[in-house]
Amino acid sequence: MTDITKYKSVAVKHLTYDQLKDLSICNETPISRSAMVAHLVDKEWRKKVTSIHKPKRNFFKMLFLGLRQSEVKSNDN
């Protein structure tokens, strides 16, 4: 019996199922359809999630240190 705490089922169209079969056969080492789905999801997940979490420029550094003195508004008026 399948361990329901470890596995979930996914419904795909027949065409997608056949394409998964073709992709798994095209691999150097043929793998199961579920392994191919896991591989494709991991690949896309790494691409999307790592691009979200890349360190961006420090907002405060840009705000305060990136401005030249002539650009900073003075309260001396």
C-alpha atoms as a PDB file:
ATOM      1  CA  MET A   1       0.000   0.000   0.000  1.00  0.00           C
ATOM      2  CA  THR A   2       1.229   3.510  -0.834  1.00  0.00           C
ATOM      3  CA  ASP A   3       2.440   5.682   2.028  1.00  0.00           C
ATOM      4  CA  ILE A   4       0.061   8.678   1.852  1.00  0.00           C
ATOM      5  CA  THR A   5       2.362  10.787   4.020  1.00  0.00           C
ATOM      6  CA  LYS A   6       5.113  10.507   1.406  1.00  0.00           C
ATOM      7  CA  TYR A   7       3.302  10.468  -1.974  1.00  0.00           C
ATOM      8  CA  LYS A   8       0.532  12.414  -3.718  1.00  0.00           C
ATOM      9  CA  SER A   9      -1.079  11.758  -7.068  1.00  0.00           C
ATOM     10  CA  VAL A  10      -1.140  14.204  -9.960  1.00  0.00           C
ATOM     11  CA  ALA A  11      -3.612  14.135 -12.837  1.00  0.00           C
ATOM     12  CA  VAL A  12      -2.263  15.014 -16.272  1.00  0.00           C
ATOM     13  CA  LYS A  13      -3.733  14.884 -19.761  1.00  0.00           C
ATOM     14  CA  HIS A  14      -2.987  11.868 -21.948  1.00  0.00           C
ATOM     15  CA  LEU A  15      -0.789  13.972 -24.231  1.00  0.00           C
ATOM     16  CA  THR A  16       1.296  15.189 -21.274  1.00  0.00           C
ATOM     17  CA  TYR A  17       1.587  11.629 -19.997  1.00  0.00           C
ATOM     18  CA  ASP A  18       2.896  10.472 -23.386  1.00  0.00           C
ATOM     19  CA  GLN A  19       5.306  13.426 -23.538  1.00  0.00           C
ATOM     20  CA  LEU A  20       6.645  12.485 -20.101  1.00  0.00           C
ATOM     21  CA  LYS A  21       7.218   8.971 -21.415  1.00  0.00           C
ATOM     22  CA  ASP A  22       9.152  10.368 -24.389  1.00  0.00           C
ATOM     23  CA  LEU A  23      11.227  12.656 -22.158  1.00  0.00           C
ATOM     24  CA  SER A  24      12.102   9.855 -19.784  1.00  0.00           C
ATOM     25  CA  ILE A  25      13.198   7.618 -22.688  1.00  0.00           C
ATOM     26  CA  CYS A  26      15.337  10.423 -24.193  1.00  0.00           C
ATOM     27  CA  ASN A  27      17.372  10.616 -20.987  1.00  0.00           C
ATOM     28  CA  GLU A  28      20.727   8.836 -20.941  1.00  0.00           C
ATOM     29  CA  THR A  29      19.272   6.630 -18.240  1.00  0.00           C
ATOM     30  CA  PRO A  30      15.533   6.097 -18.708  1.00  0.00           C
ATOM     31  CA  ILE A  31      13.662   7.032 -15.557  1.00  0.00           C
ATOM     32  CA  SER A  32      10.073   6.694 -14.410  1.00  0.00           C
ATOM     33  CA  ARG A  33       7.445   9.293 -15.226  1.00  0.00           C
ATOM     34  CA  SER A  34       7.201  10.295 -11.573  1.00  0.00           C
ATOM     35  CA  ALA A  35      10.958  10.828 -11.418  1.00  0.00           C
ATOM     36  CA  MET A  36      10.757  12.937 -14.596  1.00  0.00           C
ATOM     37  CA  VAL A  37       7.979  15.071 -13.086  1.00  0.00           C
ATOM     38  CA  ALA A  38      10.046  15.515  -9.916  1.00  0.00           C
ATOM     39  CA  HIS A  39      13.115  16.462 -11.993  1.00  0.00           C
ATOM     40  CA  LEU A  40      11.216  19.042 -14.075  1.00  0.00           C
ATOM     41  CA  VAL A  41       9.532  20.569 -11.034  1.00  0.00           C
ATOM     42  CA  ASP A  42      12.830  20.756  -9.114  1.00  0.00           C
ATOM     43  CA  LYS A  43      14.509  22.402 -12.099  1.00  0.00           C
ATOM     44  CA  GLU A  44      11.807  25.064 -12.472  1.00  0.00           C
ATOM     45  CA  TRP A  45      11.545  25.547  -8.710  1.00  0.00           C
ATOM     46  CA  ARG A  46      15.286  26.201  -8.394  1.00  0.00           C
ATOM     47  CA  LYS A  47      15.162  28.651 -11.286  1.00  0.00           C
ATOM     48  CA  LYS A  48      12.179  30.596  -9.912  1.00  0.00           C
ATOM     49  CA  VAL A  49      12.871  30.484  -6.186  1.00  0.00           C
ATOM     50  CA  THR A  50      16.573  31.245  -6.378  1.00  0.00           C
ATOM     51  CA  SER A  51      15.868  34.233  -8.627  1.00  0.00           C
ATOM     52  CA  ILE A  52      13.404  35.564  -6.030  1.00  0.00           C
ATOM     53  CA  HIS A  53      15.837  35.170  -3.139  1.00  0.00           C
ATOM     54  CA  LYS A  54      18.904  36.664  -4.806  1.00  0.00           C
ATOM     55  CA  PRO A  55      20.200  39.501  -2.674  1.00  0.00           C
ATOM     56  CA  LYS A  56      19.105  42.790  -4.104  1.00  0.00           C
ATOM     57  CA  ARG A  57      20.755  46.143  -3.637  1.00  0.00           C
ATOM     58  CA  ASN A  58      20.490  47.423  -0.131  1.00  0.00           C
ATOM     59  CA  PHE A  59      17.698  49.998  -0.270  1.00  0.00           C
ATOM     60  CA  PHE A  60      19.026  52.099   2.623  1.00  0.00           C
ATOM     61  CA  LYS A  61      22.558  52.053   1.268  1.00  0.00           C
ATOM     62  CA  MET A  62      21.280  53.292  -2.088  1.00  0.00           C
ATOM     63  CA  LEU A  63      19.058  55.856  -0.399  1.00  0.00           C
ATOM     64  CA  PHE A  64      21.607  57.410   1.934  1.00  0.00           C
ATOM     65  CA  LEU A  65      25.067  56.597   0.619  1.00  0.00           C
ATOM     66  CA  GLY A  66      24.239  56.584  -3.078  1.00  0.00           C
ATOM     67  CA  LEU A  67      23.250  60.253  -3.136  1.00  0.00           C
ATOM     68  CA  ARG A  68      25.829  62.948  -3.688  1.00  0.00           C
ATOM     69  CA  GLN A  69      25.909  65.832  -1.242  1.00  0.00           C
ATOM     70  CA  SER A  70      24.558  68.200  -3.894  1.00  0.00           C
ATOM     71  CA  GLU A  71      21.531  65.938  -4.338  1.00  0.00           C
ATOM     72  CA  VAL A  72      20.655  65.899  -0.649  1.00  0.00           C
ATOM     73  CA  LYS A  73      18.118  68.551   0.328  1.00  0.00           C
ATOM     74  CA  SER A  74      19.394  70.850   3.002  1.00  0.00           C
ATOM     75  CA  ASN A  75      17.285  72.274   5.832  1.00  0.00           C
ATOM     76  CA  ASP A  76      19.568  75.350   6.094  1.00  0.00           C
ATOM     77  CA  ASN A  77      17.227  77.549   3.979  1.00  0.00           C
END
